[in-house]
Full PDB file with SEQRES, HELIX, SHEET, SSBOND, CRYST1, ORIGX, SCALE, CONECT and MASTER records, all heavy atoms in Angstrom:
SEQRES   1 A   31  VAL ASN LYS SER SER GLY LEU SER ASN GLU ASN PRO GLN          
SEQRES   2 A   31  GLN LYS LEU LYS ARG LYS THR ASP ARG SER LEU LEU ARG          
SEQRES   3 A   31  MET LEU PHE VAL GLN                                          
HELIX    1 AA1 ASN A    2  SER A    5  1                                   4    
HELIX    2 AA2 PRO A   12  VAL A   30  1                                  19    
CRYST1    1.000    1.000    1.000  90.00  90.00  90.00 P 1           1          
ORIGX1      1.000000  0.000000  0.000000        0.00000                         
ORIGX2      0.000000  1.000000  0.000000        0.00000                         
ORIGX3      0.000000  0.000000  1.000000        0.00000                         
SCALE1      1.000000  0.000000  0.000000        0.00000                         
SCALE2      0.000000  1.000000  0.000000        0.00000                         
SCALE3      0.000000  0.000000  1.000000        0.00000                         
ATOM      1  N   VAL A   1      -9.843  29.635   2.680  1.00  0.00           N  
ATOM      2  CA  VAL A   1     -10.503  28.655   3.549  1.00  0.00           C  
ATOM      3  C   VAL A   1      -9.706  27.373   3.589  1.00  0.00           C  
ATOM      4  O   VAL A   1      -9.407  26.820   4.643  1.00  0.00           O  
ATOM      5  CB  VAL A   1     -11.938  28.365   3.046  1.00  0.00           C  
ATOM      6  CG1 VAL A   1     -12.564  27.232   3.834  1.00  0.00           C  
ATOM      7  CG2 VAL A   1     -12.783  29.615   3.148  1.00  0.00           C  
ATOM      8  N   ASN A   2      -9.359  26.885   2.390  1.00  0.00           N  
ATOM      9  CA  ASN A   2      -8.610  25.637   2.315  1.00  0.00           C  
ATOM     10  C   ASN A   2      -7.266  25.754   2.998  1.00  0.00           C  
ATOM     11  O   ASN A   2      -6.813  24.852   3.686  1.00  0.00           O  
ATOM     12  CB  ASN A   2      -8.407  25.229   0.856  1.00  0.00           C  
ATOM     13  CG  ASN A   2      -9.711  24.807   0.209  1.00  0.00           C  
ATOM     14  OD1 ASN A   2     -10.618  24.367   0.898  1.00  0.00           O  
ATOM     15  ND2 ASN A   2      -9.821  24.965  -1.096  1.00  0.00           N  
ATOM     16  N   LYS A   3      -6.644  26.914   2.825  1.00  0.00           N  
ATOM     17  CA  LYS A   3      -5.319  27.085   3.414  1.00  0.00           C  
ATOM     18  C   LYS A   3      -5.407  27.175   4.927  1.00  0.00           C  
ATOM     19  O   LYS A   3      -4.605  26.592   5.660  1.00  0.00           O  
ATOM     20  CB  LYS A   3      -4.670  28.348   2.836  1.00  0.00           C  
ATOM     21  CG  LYS A   3      -3.208  28.491   3.206  1.00  0.00           C  
ATOM     22  CD  LYS A   3      -2.592  29.682   2.482  1.00  0.00           C  
ATOM     23  CE  LYS A   3      -1.127  29.842   2.867  1.00  0.00           C  
ATOM     24  NZ  LYS A   3      -0.513  30.997   2.210  1.00  0.00           N  
ATOM     25  N   SER A   4      -6.415  27.947   5.417  1.00  0.00           N  
ATOM     26  CA  SER A   4      -6.538  28.120   6.864  1.00  0.00           C  
ATOM     27  C   SER A   4      -6.974  26.834   7.546  1.00  0.00           C  
ATOM     28  O   SER A   4      -6.606  26.558   8.677  1.00  0.00           O  
ATOM     29  CB  SER A   4      -7.541  29.228   7.181  1.00  0.00           C  
ATOM     30  OG  SER A   4      -8.810  28.850   6.708  1.00  0.00           O  
ATOM     31  N   SER A   5      -7.800  26.052   6.862  1.00  0.00           N  
ATOM     32  CA  SER A   5      -8.255  24.798   7.474  1.00  0.00           C  
ATOM     33  C   SER A   5      -7.250  23.682   7.304  1.00  0.00           C  
ATOM     34  O   SER A   5      -7.357  22.633   7.913  1.00  0.00           O  
ATOM     35  CB  SER A   5      -9.583  24.364   6.849  1.00  0.00           C  
ATOM     36  OG  SER A   5      -9.412  24.138   5.466  1.00  0.00           O  
ATOM     37  N   GLY A   6      -6.243  23.899   6.464  1.00  0.00           N  
ATOM     38  CA  GLY A   6      -5.191  22.904   6.302  1.00  0.00           C  
ATOM     39  C   GLY A   6      -5.588  21.753   5.437  1.00  0.00           C  
ATOM     40  O   GLY A   6      -4.919  20.740   5.404  1.00  0.00           O  
ATOM     41  N   LEU A   7      -6.710  21.878   4.671  1.00  0.00           N  
ATOM     42  CA  LEU A   7      -7.190  20.752   3.890  1.00  0.00           C  
ATOM     43  C   LEU A   7      -6.426  20.579   2.594  1.00  0.00           C  
ATOM     44  O   LEU A   7      -6.323  19.481   2.074  1.00  0.00           O  
ATOM     45  CB  LEU A   7      -8.684  20.930   3.579  1.00  0.00           C  
ATOM     46  CG  LEU A   7      -9.613  21.010   4.790  1.00  0.00           C  
ATOM     47  CD1 LEU A   7     -11.057  21.152   4.317  1.00  0.00           C  
ATOM     48  CD2 LEU A   7      -9.457  19.818   5.687  1.00  0.00           C  
ATOM     49  N   SER A   8      -5.895  21.728   2.047  1.00  0.00           N  
ATOM     50  CA  SER A   8      -5.255  21.649   0.737  1.00  0.00           C  
ATOM     51  C   SER A   8      -3.916  20.943   0.783  1.00  0.00           C  
ATOM     52  O   SER A   8      -3.487  20.354  -0.199  1.00  0.00           O  
ATOM     53  CB  SER A   8      -5.090  23.061   0.171  1.00  0.00           C  
ATOM     54  OG  SER A   8      -4.306  23.843   1.062  1.00  0.00           O  
ATOM     55  N   ASN A   9      -3.249  21.055   1.937  1.00  0.00           N  
ATOM     56  CA  ASN A   9      -1.908  20.475   2.036  1.00  0.00           C  
ATOM     57  C   ASN A   9      -1.859  19.248   2.931  1.00  0.00           C  
ATOM     58  O   ASN A   9      -0.811  18.913   3.474  1.00  0.00           O  
ATOM     59  CB  ASN A   9      -0.923  21.551   2.567  1.00  0.00           C  
ATOM     60  CG  ASN A   9      -0.826  22.747   1.633  1.00  0.00           C  
ATOM     61  OD1 ASN A   9      -0.779  22.581   0.412  1.00  0.00           O  
ATOM     62  ND2 ASN A   9      -0.812  23.949   2.202  1.00  0.00           N  
ATOM     63  N   GLU A  10      -2.991  18.598   3.121  1.00  0.00           N  
ATOM     64  CA  GLU A  10      -3.025  17.430   3.995  1.00  0.00           C  
ATOM     65  C   GLU A  10      -2.307  16.246   3.354  1.00  0.00           C  
ATOM     66  O   GLU A  10      -2.517  15.949   2.163  1.00  0.00           O  
ATOM     67  CB  GLU A  10      -4.465  17.024   4.289  1.00  0.00           C  
ATOM     68  CG  GLU A  10      -5.119  17.852   5.375  1.00  0.00           C  
ATOM     69  CD  GLU A  10      -6.474  17.284   5.736  1.00  0.00           C  
ATOM     70  OE1 GLU A  10      -7.116  16.699   4.858  1.00  0.00           O  
ATOM     71  OE2 GLU A  10      -6.869  17.417   6.899  1.00  0.00           O  
ATOM     72  N   ASN A  11      -1.481  15.602   4.154  1.00  0.00           N  
ATOM     73  CA  ASN A  11      -0.878  14.357   3.683  1.00  0.00           C  
ATOM     74  C   ASN A  11      -1.788  13.199   4.068  1.00  0.00           C  
ATOM     75  O   ASN A  11      -2.747  13.375   4.820  1.00  0.00           O  
ATOM     76  CB  ASN A  11       0.526  14.189   4.286  1.00  0.00           C  
ATOM     77  CG  ASN A  11       0.519  14.185   5.804  1.00  0.00           C  
ATOM     78  OD1 ASN A  11      -0.355  13.572   6.414  1.00  0.00           O  
ATOM     79  ND2 ASN A  11       1.471  14.875   6.425  1.00  0.00           N  
ATOM     80  N   PRO A  12      -1.546  11.992   3.551  1.00  0.00           N  
ATOM     81  CA  PRO A  12      -2.428  10.847   3.844  1.00  0.00           C  
ATOM     82  C   PRO A  12      -2.606  10.576   5.334  1.00  0.00           C  
ATOM     83  O   PRO A  12      -3.691  10.179   5.770  1.00  0.00           O  
ATOM     84  CB  PRO A  12      -1.716   9.687   3.145  1.00  0.00           C  
ATOM     85  CG  PRO A  12      -0.963  10.332   2.031  1.00  0.00           C  
ATOM     86  CD  PRO A  12      -0.515  11.655   2.557  1.00  0.00           C  
ATOM     87  N   GLN A  13      -1.557  10.783   6.119  1.00  0.00           N  
ATOM     88  CA  GLN A  13      -1.649  10.531   7.565  1.00  0.00           C  
ATOM     89  C   GLN A  13      -2.608  11.521   8.226  1.00  0.00           C  
ATOM     90  O   GLN A  13      -3.396  11.150   9.102  1.00  0.00           O  
ATOM     91  CB  GLN A  13      -0.260  10.628   8.197  1.00  0.00           C  
ATOM     92  CG  GLN A  13      -0.243  10.206   9.666  1.00  0.00           C  
ATOM     93  CD  GLN A  13       1.168  10.184  10.235  1.00  0.00           C  
ATOM     94  OE1 GLN A  13       2.135  10.476   9.536  1.00  0.00           O  
ATOM     95  NE2 GLN A  13       1.278   9.847  11.503  1.00  0.00           N  
ATOM     96  N   GLN A  14      -2.562  12.802   7.798  1.00  0.00           N  
ATOM     97  CA  GLN A  14      -3.470  13.803   8.350  1.00  0.00           C  
ATOM     98  C   GLN A  14      -4.916  13.525   7.955  1.00  0.00           C  
ATOM     99  O   GLN A  14      -5.842  13.710   8.746  1.00  0.00           O  
ATOM    100  CB  GLN A  14      -3.051  15.196   7.870  1.00  0.00           C  
ATOM    101  CG  GLN A  14      -1.753  15.698   8.496  1.00  0.00           C  
ATOM    102  CD  GLN A  14      -1.289  16.997   7.871  1.00  0.00           C  
ATOM    103  OE1 GLN A  14      -1.423  17.209   6.665  1.00  0.00           O  
ATOM    104  NE2 GLN A  14      -0.749  17.887   8.698  1.00  0.00           N  
ATOM    105  N   LYS A  15      -5.115  13.082   6.701  1.00  0.00           N  
ATOM    106  CA  LYS A  15      -6.464  12.735   6.240  1.00  0.00           C  
ATOM    107  C   LYS A  15      -7.034  11.571   7.045  1.00  0.00           C  
ATOM    108  O   LYS A  15      -8.208  11.574   7.424  1.00  0.00           O  
ATOM    109  CB  LYS A  15      -6.438  12.384   4.762  1.00  0.00           C  
ATOM    110  CG  LYS A  15      -6.242  13.582   3.842  1.00  0.00           C  
ATOM    111  CD  LYS A  15      -6.271  13.159   2.384  1.00  0.00           C  
ATOM    112  CE  LYS A  15      -6.096  14.363   1.467  1.00  0.00           C  
ATOM    113  NZ  LYS A  15      -6.101  13.990   0.031  1.00  0.00           N  
ATOM    114  N   LEU A  16      -6.182  10.574   7.326  1.00  0.00           N  
ATOM    115  CA  LEU A  16      -6.620   9.422   8.122  1.00  0.00           C  
ATOM    116  C   LEU A  16      -6.987   9.868   9.526  1.00  0.00           C  
ATOM    117  O   LEU A  16      -8.002   9.418  10.088  1.00  0.00           O  
ATOM    118  CB  LEU A  16      -5.513   8.367   8.168  1.00  0.00           C  
ATOM    119  CG  LEU A  16      -5.802   7.136   9.048  1.00  0.00           C  
ATOM    120  CD1 LEU A  16      -7.018   6.379   8.514  1.00  0.00           C  
ATOM    121  CD2 LEU A  16      -4.580   6.217   9.098  1.00  0.00           C  
ATOM    122  N   LYS A  17      -6.193  10.773  10.104  1.00  0.00           N  
ATOM    123  CA  LYS A  17      -6.468  11.258  11.448  1.00  0.00           C  
ATOM    124  C   LYS A  17      -7.794  12.023  11.489  1.00  0.00           C  
ATOM    125  O   LYS A  17      -8.604  11.843  12.401  1.00  0.00           O  
ATOM    126  CB  LYS A  17      -5.339  12.175  11.928  1.00  0.00           C  
ATOM    127  CG  LYS A  17      -5.498  12.636  13.381  1.00  0.00           C  
ATOM    128  CD  LYS A  17      -4.351  13.531  13.790  1.00  0.00           C  
ATOM    129  CE  LYS A  17      -4.486  13.906  15.269  1.00  0.00           C  
ATOM    130  NZ  LYS A  17      -5.765  14.586  15.573  1.00  0.00           N  
ATOM    131  N   ARG A  18      -8.036  12.858  10.483  1.00  0.00           N  
ATOM    132  CA  ARG A  18      -9.282  13.622  10.419  1.00  0.00           C  
ATOM    133  C   ARG A  18     -10.478  12.690  10.249  1.00  0.00           C  
ATOM    134  O   ARG A  18     -11.525  12.868  10.869  1.00  0.00           O  
ATOM    135  CB  ARG A  18      -9.202  14.630   9.272  1.00  0.00           C  
ATOM    136  CG  ARG A  18     -10.360  15.609   9.215  1.00  0.00           C  
ATOM    137  CD  ARG A  18     -10.000  16.816   8.358  1.00  0.00           C  
ATOM    138  NE  ARG A  18      -9.525  16.396   7.054  1.00  0.00           N  
ATOM    139  CZ  ARG A  18     -10.319  16.136   6.006  1.00  0.00           C  
ATOM    140  NH1 ARG A  18     -11.638  16.226   6.148  1.00  0.00           N  
ATOM    141  NH2 ARG A  18      -9.821  15.784   4.834  1.00  0.00           N  
ATOM    142  N   LYS A  19     -10.330  11.673   9.418  1.00  0.00           N  
ATOM    143  CA  LYS A  19     -11.411  10.710   9.202  1.00  0.00           C  
ATOM    144  C   LYS A  19     -11.672   9.893  10.468  1.00  0.00           C  
ATOM    145  O   LYS A  19     -12.816   9.598  10.820  1.00  0.00           O  
ATOM    146  CB  LYS A  19     -11.044   9.786   8.045  1.00  0.00           C  
ATOM    147  CG  LYS A  19     -12.227   9.047   7.436  1.00  0.00           C  
ATOM    148  CD  LYS A  19     -11.830   8.318   6.164  1.00  0.00           C  
ATOM    149  CE  LYS A  19     -13.039   7.629   5.548  1.00  0.00           C  
ATOM    150  NZ  LYS A  19     -12.686   6.903   4.302  1.00  0.00           N  
ATOM    151  N   THR A  20     -10.600   9.541  11.172  1.00  0.00           N  
ATOM    152  CA  THR A  20     -10.734   8.812  12.434  1.00  0.00           C  
ATOM    153  C   THR A  20     -11.465   9.659  13.464  1.00  0.00           C  
ATOM    154  O   THR A  20     -12.331   9.160  14.197  1.00  0.00           O  
ATOM    155  CB  THR A  20      -9.351   8.402  12.969  1.00  0.00           C  
ATOM    156  OG1 THR A  20      -8.690   7.593  12.000  1.00  0.00           O  
ATOM    157  CG2 THR A  20      -9.475   7.641  14.273  1.00  0.00           C  
ATOM    158  N   ASP A  21     -11.131  10.949  13.536  1.00  0.00           N  
ATOM    159  CA  ASP A  21     -11.793  11.860  14.474  1.00  0.00           C  
ATOM    160  C   ASP A  21     -13.290  11.937  14.202  1.00  0.00           C  
ATOM    161  O   ASP A  21     -14.104  11.913  15.134  1.00  0.00           O  
ATOM    162  CB  ASP A  21     -11.180  13.265  14.380  1.00  0.00           C  
ATOM    163  CG  ASP A  21      -9.819  13.352  15.054  1.00  0.00           C  
ATOM    164  OD1 ASP A  21      -9.577  12.569  15.993  1.00  0.00           O  
ATOM    165  OD2 ASP A  21      -8.997  14.184  14.645  1.00  0.00           O  
ATOM    166  N   ARG A  22     -13.671  12.016  12.931  1.00  0.00           N  
ATOM    167  CA  ARG A  22     -15.096  12.074  12.588  1.00  0.00           C  
ATOM    168  C   ARG A  22     -15.813  10.783  12.980  1.00  0.00           C  
ATOM    169  O   ARG A  22     -16.930  10.802  13.492  1.00  0.00           O  
ATOM    170  CB  ARG A  22     -15.273  12.335  11.085  1.00  0.00           C  
ATOM    171  CG  ARG A  22     -14.974  13.767  10.652  1.00  0.00           C  
ATOM    172  CD  ARG A  22     -15.662  14.079   9.329  1.00  0.00           C  
ATOM    173  NE  ARG A  22     -15.268  13.158   8.287  1.00  0.00           N  
ATOM    174  CZ  ARG A  22     -14.269  13.344   7.431  1.00  0.00           C  
ATOM    175  NH1 ARG A  22     -13.529  14.451   7.521  1.00  0.00           N  
ATOM    176  NH2 ARG A  22     -13.985  12.460   6.501  1.00  0.00           N  
ATOM    177  N   SER A  23     -15.159   9.648  12.726  1.00  0.00           N  
ATOM    178  CA  SER A  23     -15.763   8.357  13.083  1.00  0.00           C  
ATOM    179  C   SER A  23     -15.939   8.223  14.586  1.00  0.00           C  
ATOM    180  O   SER A  23     -16.981   7.773  15.076  1.00  0.00           O  
ATOM    181  CB  SER A  23     -14.903   7.205  12.551  1.00  0.00           C  
ATOM    182  OG  SER A  23     -14.876   7.187  11.148  1.00  0.00           O  
ATOM    183  N   LEU A  24     -14.914   8.636  15.338  1.00  0.00           N  
ATOM    184  CA  LEU A  24     -14.980   8.556  16.799  1.00  0.00           C  
ATOM    185  C   LEU A  24     -16.079   9.457  17.350  1.00  0.00           C  
ATOM    186  O   LEU A  24     -16.770   9.091  18.310  1.00  0.00           O  
ATOM    187  CB  LEU A  24     -13.620   8.935  17.403  1.00  0.00           C  
ATOM    188  CG  LEU A  24     -12.501   7.903  17.223  1.00  0.00           C  
ATOM    189  CD1 LEU A  24     -11.153   8.498  17.607  1.00  0.00           C  
ATOM    190  CD2 LEU A  24     -12.781   6.656  18.052  1.00  0.00           C  
ATOM    191  N   LEU A  25     -16.254  10.635  16.744  1.00  0.00           N  
ATOM    192  CA  LEU A  25     -17.301  11.550  17.190  1.00  0.00           C  
ATOM    193  C   LEU A  25     -18.680  10.952  16.960  1.00  0.00           C  
ATOM    194  O   LEU A  25     -19.553  11.009  17.839  1.00  0.00           O  
ATOM    195  CB  LEU A  25     -17.171  12.881  16.432  1.00  0.00           C  
ATOM    196  CG  LEU A  25     -18.160  13.985  16.838  1.00  0.00           C  
ATOM    197  CD1 LEU A  25     -17.981  14.357  18.306  1.00  0.00           C  
ATOM    198  CD2 LEU A  25     -17.984  15.212  15.957  1.00  0.00           C  
ATOM    199  N   ARG A  26     -18.883  10.327  15.809  1.00  0.00           N  
ATOM    200  CA  ARG A  26     -20.162   9.686  15.498  1.00  0.00           C  
ATOM    201  C   ARG A  26     -20.422   8.523  16.467  1.00  0.00           C  
ATOM    202  O   ARG A  26     -21.533   8.366  16.995  1.00  0.00           O  
ATOM    203  CB  ARG A  26     -20.144   9.200  14.050  1.00  0.00           C  
ATOM    204  CG  ARG A  26     -21.467   8.621  13.569  1.00  0.00           C  
ATOM    205  CD  ARG A  26     -21.499   8.486  12.055  1.00  0.00           C  
ATOM    206  NE  ARG A  26     -20.367   7.707  11.566  1.00  0.00           N  
ATOM    207  CZ  ARG A  26     -19.370   8.208  10.833  1.00  0.00           C  
ATOM    208  NH1 ARG A  26     -19.332   9.482  10.523  1.00  0.00           N  
ATOM    209  NH2 ARG A  26     -18.388   7.417  10.408  1.00  0.00           N  
ATOM    210  N   MET A  27     -19.405   7.710  16.719  1.00  0.00           N  
ATOM    211  CA  MET A  27     -19.531   6.594  17.649  1.00  0.00           C  
ATOM    212  C   MET A  27     -19.880   7.096  19.047  1.00  0.00           C  
ATOM    213  O   MET A  27     -20.706   6.509  19.756  1.00  0.00           O  
ATOM    214  CB  MET A  27     -18.220   5.795  17.682  1.00  0.00           C  
ATOM    215  CG  MET A  27     -17.939   5.016  16.394  1.00  0.00           C  
ATOM    216  SD  MET A  27     -16.166   4.727  16.081  1.00  0.00           S  
ATOM    217  CE  MET A  27     -15.674   3.841  17.545  1.00  0.00           C  
ATOM    218  N   LEU A  28     -19.252   8.203  19.427  1.00  0.00           N  
ATOM    219  CA  LEU A  28     -19.456   8.760  20.760  1.00  0.00           C  
ATOM    220  C   LEU A  28     -20.880   9.259  20.946  1.00  0.00           C  
ATOM    221  O   LEU A  28     -21.525   8.970  21.963  1.00  0.00           O  
ATOM    222  CB  LEU A  28     -18.457   9.903  20.998  1.00  0.00           C  
ATOM    223  CG  LEU A  28     -18.547  10.629  22.342  1.00  0.00           C  
ATOM    224  CD1 LEU A  28     -18.237   9.684  23.493  1.00  0.00           C  
ATOM    225  CD2 LEU A  28     -17.610  11.819  22.370  1.00  0.00           C  
ATOM    226  N   PHE A  29     -21.407   9.990  19.972  1.00  0.00           N  
ATOM    227  CA  PHE A  29     -22.750  10.545  20.095  1.00  0.00           C  
ATOM    228  C   PHE A  29     -23.797   9.445  20.237  1.00  0.00           C  
ATOM    229  O   PHE A  29     -24.694   9.533  21.083  1.00  0.00           O  
ATOM    230  CB  PHE A  29     -23.074  11.421  18.879  1.00  0.00           C  
ATOM    231  CG  PHE A  29     -22.499  12.812  18.969  1.00  0.00           C  
ATOM    232  CD1 PHE A  29     -22.320  13.571  17.835  1.00  0.00           C  
ATOM    233  CD2 PHE A  29     -22.139  13.353  20.185  1.00  0.00           C  
ATOM    234  CE1 PHE A  29     -21.784  14.858  17.906  1.00  0.00           C  
ATOM    235  CE2 PHE A  29     -21.599  14.628  20.284  1.00  0.00           C  
ATOM    236  CZ  PHE A  29     -21.430  15.388  19.142  1.00  0.00           C  
ATOM    237  N   VAL A  30     -23.684   8.402  19.419  1.00  0.00           N  
ATOM    238  CA  VAL A  30     -24.648   7.302  19.496  1.00  0.00           C  
ATOM    239  C   VAL A  30     -24.527   6.593  20.848  1.00  0.00           C  
ATOM    240  O   VAL A  30     -25.532   6.239  21.480  1.00  0.00           O  
ATOM    241  CB  VAL A  30     -24.433   6.310  18.335  1.00  0.00           C  
ATOM    242  CG1 VAL A  30     -25.371   5.109  18.479  1.00  0.00           C  
ATOM    243  CG2 VAL A  30     -24.665   6.986  16.989  1.00  0.00           C  
ATOM    244  N   GLN A  31     -23.297   6.408  21.317  1.00  0.00           N  
ATOM    245  CA  GLN A  31     -23.089   5.722  22.587  1.00  0.00           C  
ATOM    246  C   GLN A  31     -23.674   6.523  23.745  1.00  0.00           C  
ATOM    247  O   GLN A  31     -24.272   5.949  24.665  1.00  0.00           O  
ATOM    248  CB  GLN A  31     -21.599   5.474  22.823  1.00  0.00           C  
ATOM    249  CG  GLN A  31     -21.328   4.604  24.044  1.00  0.00           C  
ATOM    250  CD  GLN A  31     -19.881   4.171  24.137  1.00  0.00           C  
ATOM    251  OE1 GLN A  31     -19.050   4.546  23.318  1.00  0.00           O  
ATOM    252  NE2 GLN A  31     -19.569   3.378  25.133  1.00  0.00           N  
TER     253      GLN A  31                                                      
MASTER        0    0    0    2    0    0    0    6  252    1    0    3          
END                                                                             
């Protein structure tokens, strides 16, 4: 699961991008 989802080998930039995507999705739904 971790390997297929790419979570185990995420670098800091990828983690920031994933976190940004989640924040944008939450902002979008409320808006």
